[in-house]
């Protein structure tokens, strides 16, 4: 390194645990390490980093509220949308955070609190589900179980949730009624 400018390109955080999953949103990214720790970086104007605030973040930050210290629960999967994010755990839980202006976080919010900067557990599932994949679009979310069942929610204005277009928004996870099981999204 020959200049101060080059020094700005050196990572300020060195993570020792191997990454097992990563997702990139519109202007943010989240990664998951082998031990289930989650790290976020990028834009945070809607709380999509899950850090409990909407302040700008200049370096890689651990999402401490997703460190489940009293249990062996850990994050396995992550998906990032435009201004929101979701994670799935080995306990079958889904936690979402960021903008919820189209119910893409999996629950209804009134307009005055459509930003959730800390992870909130989606409580629509009444039994433990083993998640195979999760995915977010700009304003909708999809989740695939290991049994091949797909759930979608969020904006459905263009039919992107796969449900009848008479519903502009799917406010909580809704099972897609398909004649077959899905193996991947």
N, C-alpha and C. Protein backbone atom coordinates (compact mmCIF):
# COMPACT_ATOMS: atom_id res chain seq x y z
N UNK A 1 0.85 -1.17 0.00
CA UNK A 1 0.00 0.00 0.00
C UNK A 1 0.89 1.23 0.00
N UNK A 2 0.61 2.08 -0.93
CA UNK A 2 1.47 3.22 -1.10
C UNK A 2 0.82 4.54 -0.74
N UNK A 3 -0.50 4.56 -0.61
CA UNK A 3 -1.13 5.84 -0.33
C UNK A 3 -2.22 5.69 0.71
N UNK A 4 -2.60 6.82 1.29
CA UNK A 4 -3.69 6.81 2.27
C UNK A 4 -4.99 6.38 1.61
N UNK A 5 -5.15 6.68 0.33
CA UNK A 5 -6.35 6.27 -0.40
C UNK A 5 -6.47 4.75 -0.44
N UNK A 6 -5.35 4.05 -0.65
CA UNK A 6 -5.37 2.59 -0.66
C UNK A 6 -5.74 2.02 0.70
N UNK A 7 -5.37 2.71 1.78
CA UNK A 7 -5.68 2.22 3.12
C UNK A 7 -7.18 2.21 3.37
N UNK A 8 -7.93 3.06 2.71
CA UNK A 8 -9.39 3.07 2.87
C UNK A 8 -10.02 1.81 2.29
N UNK A 9 -9.33 1.10 1.43
CA UNK A 9 -9.85 -0.11 0.82
C UNK A 9 -9.63 -1.35 1.67
N UNK A 10 -8.91 -1.24 2.77
CA UNK A 10 -8.64 -2.38 3.64
C UNK A 10 -9.85 -2.61 4.53
N UNK A 11 -10.36 -3.84 4.62
CA UNK A 11 -11.51 -4.10 5.48
C UNK A 11 -11.21 -3.73 6.93
N UNK A 12 -12.19 -3.13 7.59
CA UNK A 12 -11.99 -2.73 8.98
C UNK A 12 -12.35 -3.87 9.94
N UNK A 13 -12.99 -4.91 9.45
CA UNK A 13 -13.37 -6.05 10.27
C UNK A 13 -12.89 -7.32 9.58
N UNK A 14 -12.27 -8.18 10.32
CA UNK A 14 -11.85 -9.47 9.79
C UNK A 14 -12.65 -10.54 10.51
N UNK A 15 -13.46 -11.27 9.77
CA UNK A 15 -14.31 -12.30 10.34
C UNK A 15 -13.61 -13.64 10.20
N UNK A 16 -13.51 -14.36 11.31
CA UNK A 16 -12.79 -15.61 11.31
C UNK A 16 -13.67 -16.81 10.98
N UNK A 17 -14.96 -16.70 11.26
CA UNK A 17 -15.87 -17.81 10.97
C UNK A 17 -16.18 -17.84 9.48
N UNK A 18 -16.26 -19.04 8.90
CA UNK A 18 -16.61 -19.12 7.47
C UNK A 18 -18.04 -18.65 7.23
N UNK A 19 -18.27 -18.02 6.09
CA UNK A 19 -19.61 -17.62 5.69
C UNK A 19 -20.33 -18.84 5.13
N UNK A 20 -21.61 -18.98 5.49
CA UNK A 20 -22.41 -20.08 4.95
C UNK A 20 -23.56 -19.58 4.09
N UNK A 21 -23.89 -18.29 4.23
CA UNK A 21 -24.97 -17.74 3.42
C UNK A 21 -24.81 -16.23 3.34
N UNK A 22 -25.22 -15.65 2.22
CA UNK A 22 -25.13 -14.20 2.03
C UNK A 22 -26.23 -13.77 1.08
N UNK A 23 -26.71 -12.54 1.27
CA UNK A 23 -27.69 -11.98 0.35
C UNK A 23 -27.39 -10.51 0.14
N UNK A 24 -27.66 -10.05 -1.07
CA UNK A 24 -27.49 -8.64 -1.41
C UNK A 24 -28.84 -8.05 -1.76
N UNK A 25 -29.18 -6.94 -1.14
CA UNK A 25 -30.40 -6.22 -1.46
C UNK A 25 -30.11 -5.12 -2.45
N UNK A 26 -30.98 -4.14 -2.47
CA UNK A 26 -30.80 -3.02 -3.40
C UNK A 26 -29.52 -2.25 -3.08
N UNK A 27 -29.35 -1.92 -1.79
CA UNK A 27 -28.16 -1.17 -1.38
C UNK A 27 -27.63 -1.63 -0.03
N UNK A 28 -27.86 -2.88 0.30
CA UNK A 28 -27.33 -3.44 1.54
C UNK A 28 -27.08 -4.93 1.37
N UNK A 29 -26.28 -5.48 2.27
CA UNK A 29 -25.97 -6.92 2.24
C UNK A 29 -25.93 -7.44 3.66
N UNK A 30 -26.25 -8.72 3.80
CA UNK A 30 -26.16 -9.41 5.10
C UNK A 30 -25.53 -10.76 4.84
N UNK A 31 -24.64 -11.15 5.75
CA UNK A 31 -24.05 -12.48 5.63
C UNK A 31 -24.21 -13.23 6.94
N UNK A 32 -24.19 -14.56 6.82
CA UNK A 32 -24.35 -15.45 7.97
C UNK A 32 -23.10 -16.30 8.06
N UNK A 33 -22.55 -16.42 9.26
CA UNK A 33 -21.38 -17.26 9.47
C UNK A 33 -21.80 -18.65 9.91
N UNK A 34 -20.86 -19.56 9.91
CA UNK A 34 -21.11 -20.95 10.26
C UNK A 34 -21.73 -21.09 11.66
N UNK A 35 -21.33 -20.23 12.59
CA UNK A 35 -21.89 -20.31 13.94
C UNK A 35 -23.21 -19.55 14.09
N UNK A 36 -23.76 -19.02 12.97
CA UNK A 36 -25.06 -18.37 13.00
C UNK A 36 -25.03 -16.88 13.26
N UNK A 37 -23.86 -16.30 13.37
CA UNK A 37 -23.80 -14.84 13.55
C UNK A 37 -24.15 -14.16 12.23
N UNK A 38 -24.82 -13.02 12.34
CA UNK A 38 -25.19 -12.26 11.15
C UNK A 38 -24.49 -10.92 11.17
N UNK A 39 -24.00 -10.53 10.01
CA UNK A 39 -23.30 -9.26 9.85
C UNK A 39 -23.95 -8.50 8.71
N UNK A 40 -24.14 -7.19 8.91
CA UNK A 40 -24.84 -6.37 7.93
C UNK A 40 -23.99 -5.17 7.56
N UNK A 41 -24.18 -4.70 6.34
CA UNK A 41 -23.48 -3.50 5.89
C UNK A 41 -24.23 -2.90 4.72
N UNK A 42 -24.01 -1.60 4.52
CA UNK A 42 -24.67 -0.89 3.43
C UNK A 42 -25.69 0.11 3.94
N UNK A 43 -26.63 0.47 3.08
CA UNK A 43 -27.66 1.46 3.39
C UNK A 43 -28.54 0.97 4.54
N UNK A 44 -28.96 1.87 5.39
CA UNK A 44 -29.76 1.51 6.56
C UNK A 44 -30.91 2.50 6.78
N UNK A 45 -31.32 3.23 5.74
CA UNK A 45 -32.32 4.28 5.92
C UNK A 45 -33.69 3.78 6.36
N UNK A 46 -33.98 2.50 6.15
CA UNK A 46 -35.26 1.93 6.59
C UNK A 46 -35.07 0.87 7.67
N UNK A 47 -33.88 0.82 8.26
CA UNK A 47 -33.62 -0.17 9.30
C UNK A 47 -33.39 -1.56 8.76
N UNK A 48 -33.09 -1.67 7.45
CA UNK A 48 -32.95 -2.98 6.81
C UNK A 48 -31.70 -3.75 7.26
N UNK A 49 -30.84 -3.13 8.04
CA UNK A 49 -29.68 -3.87 8.59
C UNK A 49 -30.03 -4.56 9.91
N UNK A 50 -31.18 -4.24 10.50
CA UNK A 50 -31.62 -4.91 11.72
C UNK A 50 -30.85 -4.53 12.96
N UNK A 51 -30.24 -3.36 12.98
CA UNK A 51 -29.37 -2.95 14.07
C UNK A 51 -30.10 -2.15 15.16
N UNK A 52 -31.41 -1.94 15.01
CA UNK A 52 -32.17 -1.22 16.02
C UNK A 52 -32.22 0.28 15.81
N UNK A 53 -31.74 0.76 14.68
CA UNK A 53 -31.76 2.18 14.36
C UNK A 53 -31.73 2.34 12.84
N UNK A 54 -31.88 3.57 12.39
CA UNK A 54 -31.83 3.86 10.95
C UNK A 54 -30.66 4.79 10.62
N UNK A 55 -29.69 4.88 11.51
CA UNK A 55 -28.52 5.72 11.29
C UNK A 55 -27.62 5.10 10.22
N UNK A 56 -26.88 5.95 9.49
CA UNK A 56 -25.91 5.41 8.53
C UNK A 56 -24.86 4.54 9.25
N UNK A 57 -24.43 3.50 8.58
CA UNK A 57 -23.43 2.58 9.13
C UNK A 57 -22.26 2.55 8.15
N UNK A 58 -21.06 2.79 8.67
CA UNK A 58 -19.89 2.88 7.79
C UNK A 58 -19.04 1.62 7.78
N UNK A 59 -19.39 0.62 8.58
CA UNK A 59 -18.58 -0.60 8.60
C UNK A 59 -19.48 -1.81 8.82
N UNK A 60 -18.92 -2.97 8.64
CA UNK A 60 -19.63 -4.22 8.87
C UNK A 60 -20.04 -4.28 10.35
N UNK A 61 -21.32 -4.57 10.60
CA UNK A 61 -21.83 -4.58 11.97
C UNK A 61 -22.55 -5.88 12.26
N UNK A 62 -22.32 -6.42 13.44
CA UNK A 62 -23.00 -7.64 13.89
C UNK A 62 -24.43 -7.28 14.31
N UNK A 63 -25.40 -8.09 13.88
CA UNK A 63 -26.79 -7.90 14.31
C UNK A 63 -26.93 -8.64 15.63
N UNK A 64 -26.65 -7.94 16.71
CA UNK A 64 -26.56 -8.56 18.04
C UNK A 64 -27.88 -9.14 18.53
N UNK A 65 -29.01 -8.57 18.10
CA UNK A 65 -30.30 -9.09 18.54
C UNK A 65 -30.60 -10.47 17.94
N UNK A 66 -29.80 -10.90 16.96
CA UNK A 66 -29.98 -12.25 16.39
C UNK A 66 -28.97 -13.24 16.97
N UNK A 67 -28.28 -12.87 18.03
CA UNK A 67 -27.43 -13.80 18.76
C UNK A 67 -28.26 -14.37 19.90
N UNK A 68 -28.69 -15.59 19.76
CA UNK A 68 -29.59 -16.21 20.73
C UNK A 68 -28.75 -16.87 21.82
N UNK A 69 -28.45 -16.12 22.86
CA UNK A 69 -27.47 -16.56 23.85
C UNK A 69 -27.97 -17.65 24.79
N UNK A 70 -29.25 -17.73 25.05
CA UNK A 70 -29.76 -18.70 26.02
C UNK A 70 -30.23 -20.01 25.39
N UNK A 71 -30.08 -20.13 24.07
CA UNK A 71 -30.52 -21.34 23.38
C UNK A 71 -29.47 -21.70 22.33
N UNK A 72 -29.71 -22.81 21.66
CA UNK A 72 -28.82 -23.15 20.55
C UNK A 72 -29.42 -22.73 19.20
N UNK A 73 -30.41 -21.83 19.24
CA UNK A 73 -30.98 -21.29 18.00
C UNK A 73 -29.93 -20.46 17.28
N UNK A 74 -29.90 -20.59 15.96
CA UNK A 74 -28.96 -19.79 15.17
C UNK A 74 -29.54 -19.52 13.79
N UNK A 75 -29.09 -18.43 13.20
CA UNK A 75 -29.52 -18.05 11.86
C UNK A 75 -28.85 -18.96 10.84
N UNK A 76 -29.65 -19.44 9.88
CA UNK A 76 -29.14 -20.28 8.79
C UNK A 76 -29.20 -19.60 7.43
N UNK A 77 -30.30 -18.86 7.19
CA UNK A 77 -30.56 -18.28 5.87
C UNK A 77 -30.85 -16.79 6.00
N UNK A 78 -30.56 -16.04 4.95
CA UNK A 78 -30.87 -14.62 4.91
C UNK A 78 -31.31 -14.25 3.50
N UNK A 79 -32.21 -13.26 3.43
CA UNK A 79 -32.60 -12.69 2.14
C UNK A 79 -32.77 -11.19 2.33
N UNK A 80 -32.33 -10.44 1.34
CA UNK A 80 -32.44 -8.97 1.37
C UNK A 80 -33.29 -8.50 0.21
N UNK A 81 -34.19 -7.56 0.48
CA UNK A 81 -34.99 -6.94 -0.56
C UNK A 81 -34.49 -5.52 -0.82
N UNK A 82 -35.38 -4.68 -1.28
CA UNK A 82 -35.00 -3.29 -1.56
C UNK A 82 -34.61 -2.58 -0.27
N UNK A 83 -35.52 -2.55 0.70
CA UNK A 83 -35.27 -1.86 1.96
C UNK A 83 -35.74 -2.71 3.14
N UNK A 84 -35.65 -4.02 3.00
CA UNK A 84 -36.05 -4.92 4.07
C UNK A 84 -35.24 -6.20 3.98
N UNK A 85 -35.28 -6.97 5.07
CA UNK A 85 -34.49 -8.20 5.15
C UNK A 85 -35.24 -9.23 5.98
N UNK A 86 -34.87 -10.50 5.79
CA UNK A 86 -35.48 -11.59 6.55
C UNK A 86 -34.41 -12.65 6.78
N UNK A 87 -34.50 -13.31 7.95
CA UNK A 87 -33.61 -14.43 8.24
C UNK A 87 -34.46 -15.61 8.71
N UNK A 88 -33.93 -16.82 8.51
CA UNK A 88 -34.56 -18.05 8.99
C UNK A 88 -33.59 -18.73 9.94
N UNK A 89 -34.11 -19.35 11.00
CA UNK A 89 -33.26 -20.02 11.98
C UNK A 89 -33.46 -21.53 11.96
N UNK A 90 -32.55 -22.22 12.63
CA UNK A 90 -32.64 -23.67 12.76
C UNK A 90 -33.83 -24.09 13.62
N UNK A 91 -34.47 -23.19 14.32
CA UNK A 91 -35.67 -23.48 15.10
C UNK A 91 -36.94 -23.33 14.25
N UNK A 92 -36.78 -22.94 12.99
CA UNK A 92 -37.93 -22.75 12.11
C UNK A 92 -38.56 -21.38 12.19
N UNK A 93 -37.91 -20.47 12.89
CA UNK A 93 -38.44 -19.11 13.03
C UNK A 93 -37.98 -18.24 11.87
N UNK A 94 -38.81 -17.27 11.52
CA UNK A 94 -38.46 -16.23 10.56
C UNK A 94 -38.49 -14.90 11.29
N UNK A 95 -37.46 -14.10 11.09
CA UNK A 95 -37.38 -12.75 11.66
C UNK A 95 -37.18 -11.78 10.50
N UNK A 96 -37.94 -10.69 10.51
CA UNK A 96 -37.82 -9.72 9.42
C UNK A 96 -37.64 -8.32 10.00
N UNK A 97 -37.09 -7.43 9.17
CA UNK A 97 -36.82 -6.07 9.63
C UNK A 97 -36.64 -5.15 8.42
N UNK A 98 -36.83 -3.85 8.67
CA UNK A 98 -36.73 -2.85 7.61
C UNK A 98 -38.08 -2.26 7.26
N UNK A 99 -38.24 -1.88 6.01
CA UNK A 99 -39.48 -1.27 5.54
C UNK A 99 -40.58 -2.32 5.43
N UNK A 100 -41.75 -1.95 5.90
CA UNK A 100 -42.92 -2.83 5.82
C UNK A 100 -44.07 -2.12 5.12
N UNK A 101 -43.75 -1.23 4.19
CA UNK A 101 -44.78 -0.42 3.54
C UNK A 101 -45.74 -1.23 2.68
N UNK A 102 -45.40 -2.48 2.35
CA UNK A 102 -46.30 -3.34 1.59
C UNK A 102 -46.50 -4.69 2.28
N UNK A 103 -46.29 -4.72 3.59
CA UNK A 103 -46.44 -5.94 4.41
C UNK A 103 -45.41 -7.01 4.04
N UNK A 104 -44.29 -6.62 3.42
CA UNK A 104 -43.27 -7.59 3.03
C UNK A 104 -42.54 -8.21 4.22
N UNK A 105 -42.75 -7.67 5.43
CA UNK A 105 -42.13 -8.26 6.62
C UNK A 105 -42.98 -9.39 7.20
N UNK A 106 -44.19 -9.57 6.68
CA UNK A 106 -45.01 -10.70 7.11
C UNK A 106 -46.02 -10.37 8.18
N UNK A 107 -46.26 -9.09 8.42
CA UNK A 107 -47.27 -8.66 9.38
C UNK A 107 -47.73 -7.27 8.98
N UNK A 108 -48.89 -6.87 9.48
CA UNK A 108 -49.43 -5.56 9.14
C UNK A 108 -48.81 -4.48 10.03
N UNK A 109 -48.59 -3.32 9.45
CA UNK A 109 -48.12 -2.14 10.18
C UNK A 109 -48.97 -0.96 9.74
N UNK A 110 -49.27 -0.06 10.69
CA UNK A 110 -49.92 1.16 10.21
C UNK A 110 -48.83 2.06 9.61
N UNK A 111 -49.26 3.03 8.84
CA UNK A 111 -48.31 3.87 8.10
C UNK A 111 -47.35 4.62 9.01
N UNK A 112 -47.75 4.89 10.25
CA UNK A 112 -46.90 5.65 11.15
C UNK A 112 -45.72 4.83 11.67
N UNK A 113 -45.80 3.51 11.55
CA UNK A 113 -44.68 2.68 12.03
C UNK A 113 -44.36 1.58 11.02
N UNK A 114 -44.20 2.00 9.76
CA UNK A 114 -43.92 1.03 8.70
C UNK A 114 -42.44 0.67 8.63
N UNK A 115 -41.61 1.25 9.50
CA UNK A 115 -40.19 0.91 9.55
C UNK A 115 -39.91 0.19 10.86
N UNK A 116 -39.30 -0.97 10.76
CA UNK A 116 -38.96 -1.78 11.93
C UNK A 116 -37.47 -2.06 11.86
N UNK A 117 -36.70 -1.36 12.68
CA UNK A 117 -35.24 -1.43 12.59
C UNK A 117 -34.63 -2.57 13.39
N UNK A 118 -35.44 -3.29 14.15
CA UNK A 118 -34.98 -4.48 14.88
C UNK A 118 -35.75 -5.70 14.38
N UNK A 119 -35.11 -6.86 14.38
CA UNK A 119 -35.79 -8.07 13.92
C UNK A 119 -37.05 -8.38 14.74
N UNK A 120 -38.12 -8.72 14.02
CA UNK A 120 -39.39 -9.11 14.64
C UNK A 120 -39.74 -10.50 14.12
N UNK A 121 -40.10 -11.39 15.04
CA UNK A 121 -40.45 -12.75 14.64
C UNK A 121 -41.82 -12.74 13.97
N UNK A 122 -41.91 -13.40 12.83
CA UNK A 122 -43.19 -13.57 12.13
C UNK A 122 -43.93 -14.69 12.85
N UNK A 123 -45.12 -14.38 13.37
CA UNK A 123 -45.84 -15.34 14.20
C UNK A 123 -46.97 -16.07 13.48
N UNK A 124 -46.92 -16.11 12.16
CA UNK A 124 -48.00 -16.74 11.39
C UNK A 124 -47.92 -18.26 11.35
N UNK A 125 -46.81 -18.82 11.75
CA UNK A 125 -46.62 -20.27 11.65
C UNK A 125 -46.75 -20.87 13.04
N UNK A 126 -47.64 -21.87 13.16
CA UNK A 126 -47.96 -22.42 14.47
C UNK A 126 -47.24 -23.72 14.77
N UNK A 127 -46.41 -24.17 13.86
CA UNK A 127 -45.60 -25.35 14.12
C UNK A 127 -44.21 -25.09 13.58
N UNK A 128 -43.26 -25.88 14.03
CA UNK A 128 -41.88 -25.70 13.57
C UNK A 128 -41.78 -26.08 12.10
N UNK A 129 -41.20 -25.18 11.33
CA UNK A 129 -41.03 -25.40 9.89
C UNK A 129 -39.54 -25.39 9.59
N UNK A 130 -39.13 -26.31 8.77
CA UNK A 130 -37.74 -26.34 8.32
C UNK A 130 -37.66 -25.61 6.98
N UNK A 131 -36.96 -24.48 6.97
CA UNK A 131 -36.90 -23.63 5.78
C UNK A 131 -35.76 -24.04 4.87
N UNK A 132 -36.05 -24.16 3.59
CA UNK A 132 -35.04 -24.51 2.60
C UNK A 132 -34.46 -23.25 1.93
N UNK A 133 -35.33 -22.30 1.60
CA UNK A 133 -34.91 -21.06 0.95
C UNK A 133 -35.85 -19.94 1.34
N UNK A 134 -35.31 -18.71 1.40
CA UNK A 134 -36.11 -17.51 1.55
C UNK A 134 -35.62 -16.52 0.51
N UNK A 135 -36.54 -15.67 0.04
CA UNK A 135 -36.19 -14.73 -1.01
C UNK A 135 -37.05 -13.48 -0.86
N UNK A 136 -36.46 -12.33 -1.16
CA UNK A 136 -37.21 -11.07 -1.13
C UNK A 136 -37.08 -10.37 -2.46
N UNK A 137 -38.21 -9.83 -2.92
CA UNK A 137 -38.18 -8.91 -4.04
C UNK A 137 -38.15 -7.50 -3.50
N UNK A 138 -38.51 -6.54 -4.31
CA UNK A 138 -38.52 -5.14 -3.85
C UNK A 138 -39.53 -4.95 -2.72
N UNK A 139 -40.71 -5.57 -2.85
CA UNK A 139 -41.77 -5.35 -1.88
C UNK A 139 -42.57 -6.61 -1.58
N UNK A 140 -41.99 -7.78 -1.82
CA UNK A 140 -42.67 -9.02 -1.47
C UNK A 140 -41.63 -10.06 -1.04
N UNK A 141 -42.11 -11.12 -0.40
CA UNK A 141 -41.24 -12.14 0.17
C UNK A 141 -41.78 -13.52 -0.17
N UNK A 142 -40.86 -14.47 -0.38
CA UNK A 142 -41.20 -15.87 -0.63
C UNK A 142 -40.38 -16.74 0.32
N UNK A 143 -40.98 -17.82 0.76
CA UNK A 143 -40.28 -18.77 1.63
C UNK A 143 -40.66 -20.18 1.22
N UNK A 144 -39.66 -21.04 1.11
CA UNK A 144 -39.84 -22.43 0.69
C UNK A 144 -39.45 -23.36 1.83
N UNK A 145 -40.34 -24.30 2.17
CA UNK A 145 -40.04 -25.27 3.22
C UNK A 145 -39.30 -26.46 2.62
N UNK A 146 -38.68 -27.25 3.48
CA UNK A 146 -38.02 -28.48 3.01
C UNK A 146 -39.03 -29.49 2.48
N UNK A 147 -40.32 -29.29 2.79
CA UNK A 147 -41.38 -30.17 2.28
C UNK A 147 -41.91 -29.70 0.93
N UNK A 148 -41.34 -28.64 0.36
CA UNK A 148 -41.74 -28.18 -0.96
C UNK A 148 -42.93 -27.25 -0.98
N UNK A 149 -43.30 -26.69 0.17
CA UNK A 149 -44.42 -25.76 0.26
C UNK A 149 -43.89 -24.33 0.18
N UNK A 150 -44.56 -23.50 -0.61
CA UNK A 150 -44.14 -22.10 -0.79
C UNK A 150 -45.16 -21.19 -0.11
N UNK A 151 -44.64 -20.23 0.65
CA UNK A 151 -45.44 -19.16 1.25
C UNK A 151 -44.98 -17.84 0.65
N UNK A 152 -45.92 -16.94 0.39
CA UNK A 152 -45.59 -15.62 -0.14
C UNK A 152 -46.39 -14.56 0.62
N UNK A 153 -45.86 -13.33 0.61
CA UNK A 153 -46.56 -12.21 1.22
C UNK A 153 -45.93 -10.91 0.76
N UNK A 154 -46.67 -9.81 0.98
CA UNK A 154 -46.21 -8.48 0.58
C UNK A 154 -47.02 -7.95 -0.58
N UNK A 155 -46.41 -7.09 -1.38
CA UNK A 155 -47.10 -6.48 -2.51
C UNK A 155 -47.48 -7.55 -3.54
N UNK A 156 -48.73 -7.50 -3.96
CA UNK A 156 -49.22 -8.41 -4.99
C UNK A 156 -49.87 -7.63 -6.12
N UNK A 157 -49.49 -6.36 -6.24
CA UNK A 157 -50.11 -5.47 -7.23
C UNK A 157 -49.94 -5.99 -8.66
N UNK A 158 -48.86 -6.67 -8.94
CA UNK A 158 -48.61 -7.24 -10.27
C UNK A 158 -48.74 -8.76 -10.26
N UNK A 159 -49.32 -9.31 -9.20
CA UNK A 159 -49.46 -10.75 -9.08
C UNK A 159 -48.18 -11.45 -8.66
N UNK A 160 -47.18 -10.70 -8.17
CA UNK A 160 -45.87 -11.28 -7.87
C UNK A 160 -45.88 -12.27 -6.70
N UNK A 161 -46.93 -12.28 -5.91
CA UNK A 161 -47.02 -13.27 -4.83
C UNK A 161 -47.66 -14.58 -5.30
N UNK A 162 -48.18 -14.58 -6.52
CA UNK A 162 -48.77 -15.80 -7.06
C UNK A 162 -50.21 -16.01 -6.66
N UNK A 163 -50.80 -15.05 -6.00
CA UNK A 163 -52.20 -15.14 -5.59
C UNK A 163 -53.04 -14.26 -6.50
N UNK A 164 -54.34 -14.42 -6.44
CA UNK A 164 -55.24 -13.64 -7.29
C UNK A 164 -54.96 -12.15 -7.17
N UNK A 165 -54.96 -11.47 -8.29
CA UNK A 165 -54.60 -10.04 -8.29
C UNK A 165 -55.65 -9.17 -7.62
N UNK A 166 -56.75 -9.76 -7.19
CA UNK A 166 -57.74 -8.95 -6.47
C UNK A 166 -57.20 -8.51 -5.11
N UNK A 167 -56.11 -9.15 -4.66
CA UNK A 167 -55.46 -8.76 -3.41
C UNK A 167 -54.22 -7.93 -3.75
N UNK A 168 -54.24 -6.63 -3.45
CA UNK A 168 -53.07 -5.78 -3.70
C UNK A 168 -51.91 -6.11 -2.76
N UNK A 169 -52.26 -6.53 -1.54
CA UNK A 169 -51.25 -6.88 -0.55
C UNK A 169 -51.65 -8.17 0.15
N UNK A 170 -50.69 -9.04 0.31
CA UNK A 170 -50.87 -10.23 1.13
C UNK A 170 -50.22 -9.87 2.47
N UNK A 171 -51.02 -9.65 3.51
CA UNK A 171 -50.52 -9.04 4.74
C UNK A 171 -49.74 -9.98 5.64
N UNK A 172 -49.91 -11.27 5.48
CA UNK A 172 -49.13 -12.24 6.26
C UNK A 172 -48.87 -13.45 5.38
N UNK A 173 -47.90 -14.29 5.74
CA UNK A 173 -47.56 -15.43 4.88
C UNK A 173 -48.79 -16.26 4.50
N UNK A 174 -48.88 -16.52 3.21
CA UNK A 174 -50.01 -17.29 2.67
C UNK A 174 -49.46 -18.39 1.77
N UNK A 175 -49.94 -19.59 2.01
CA UNK A 175 -49.48 -20.75 1.24
C UNK A 175 -49.94 -20.64 -0.20
N UNK A 176 -49.02 -20.92 -1.12
CA UNK A 176 -49.38 -20.99 -2.53
C UNK A 176 -50.03 -22.35 -2.78
N UNK A 177 -51.15 -22.36 -3.43
CA UNK A 177 -51.85 -23.61 -3.71
C UNK A 177 -51.37 -24.11 -5.07
N UNK A 178 -50.48 -25.07 -5.04
CA UNK A 178 -49.88 -25.63 -6.26
C UNK A 178 -50.22 -27.12 -6.34
N UNK A 179 -50.20 -27.66 -7.53
CA UNK A 179 -50.48 -29.08 -7.73
C UNK A 179 -49.25 -29.96 -7.51
N UNK A 180 -48.18 -29.36 -7.11
CA UNK A 180 -46.91 -30.08 -6.96
C UNK A 180 -46.07 -29.41 -5.88
N UNK A 181 -45.07 -30.13 -5.41
CA UNK A 181 -44.12 -29.54 -4.46
C UNK A 181 -43.00 -28.86 -5.24
N UNK A 182 -42.47 -27.81 -4.67
CA UNK A 182 -41.41 -27.02 -5.30
C UNK A 182 -40.08 -27.47 -4.70
N UNK A 183 -39.06 -27.61 -5.54
CA UNK A 183 -37.76 -28.02 -5.04
C UNK A 183 -36.80 -26.87 -4.84
N UNK A 184 -36.98 -25.79 -5.57
CA UNK A 184 -36.12 -24.63 -5.42
C UNK A 184 -36.83 -23.38 -5.94
N UNK A 185 -36.42 -22.22 -5.43
CA UNK A 185 -36.99 -20.95 -5.90
C UNK A 185 -35.91 -20.19 -6.64
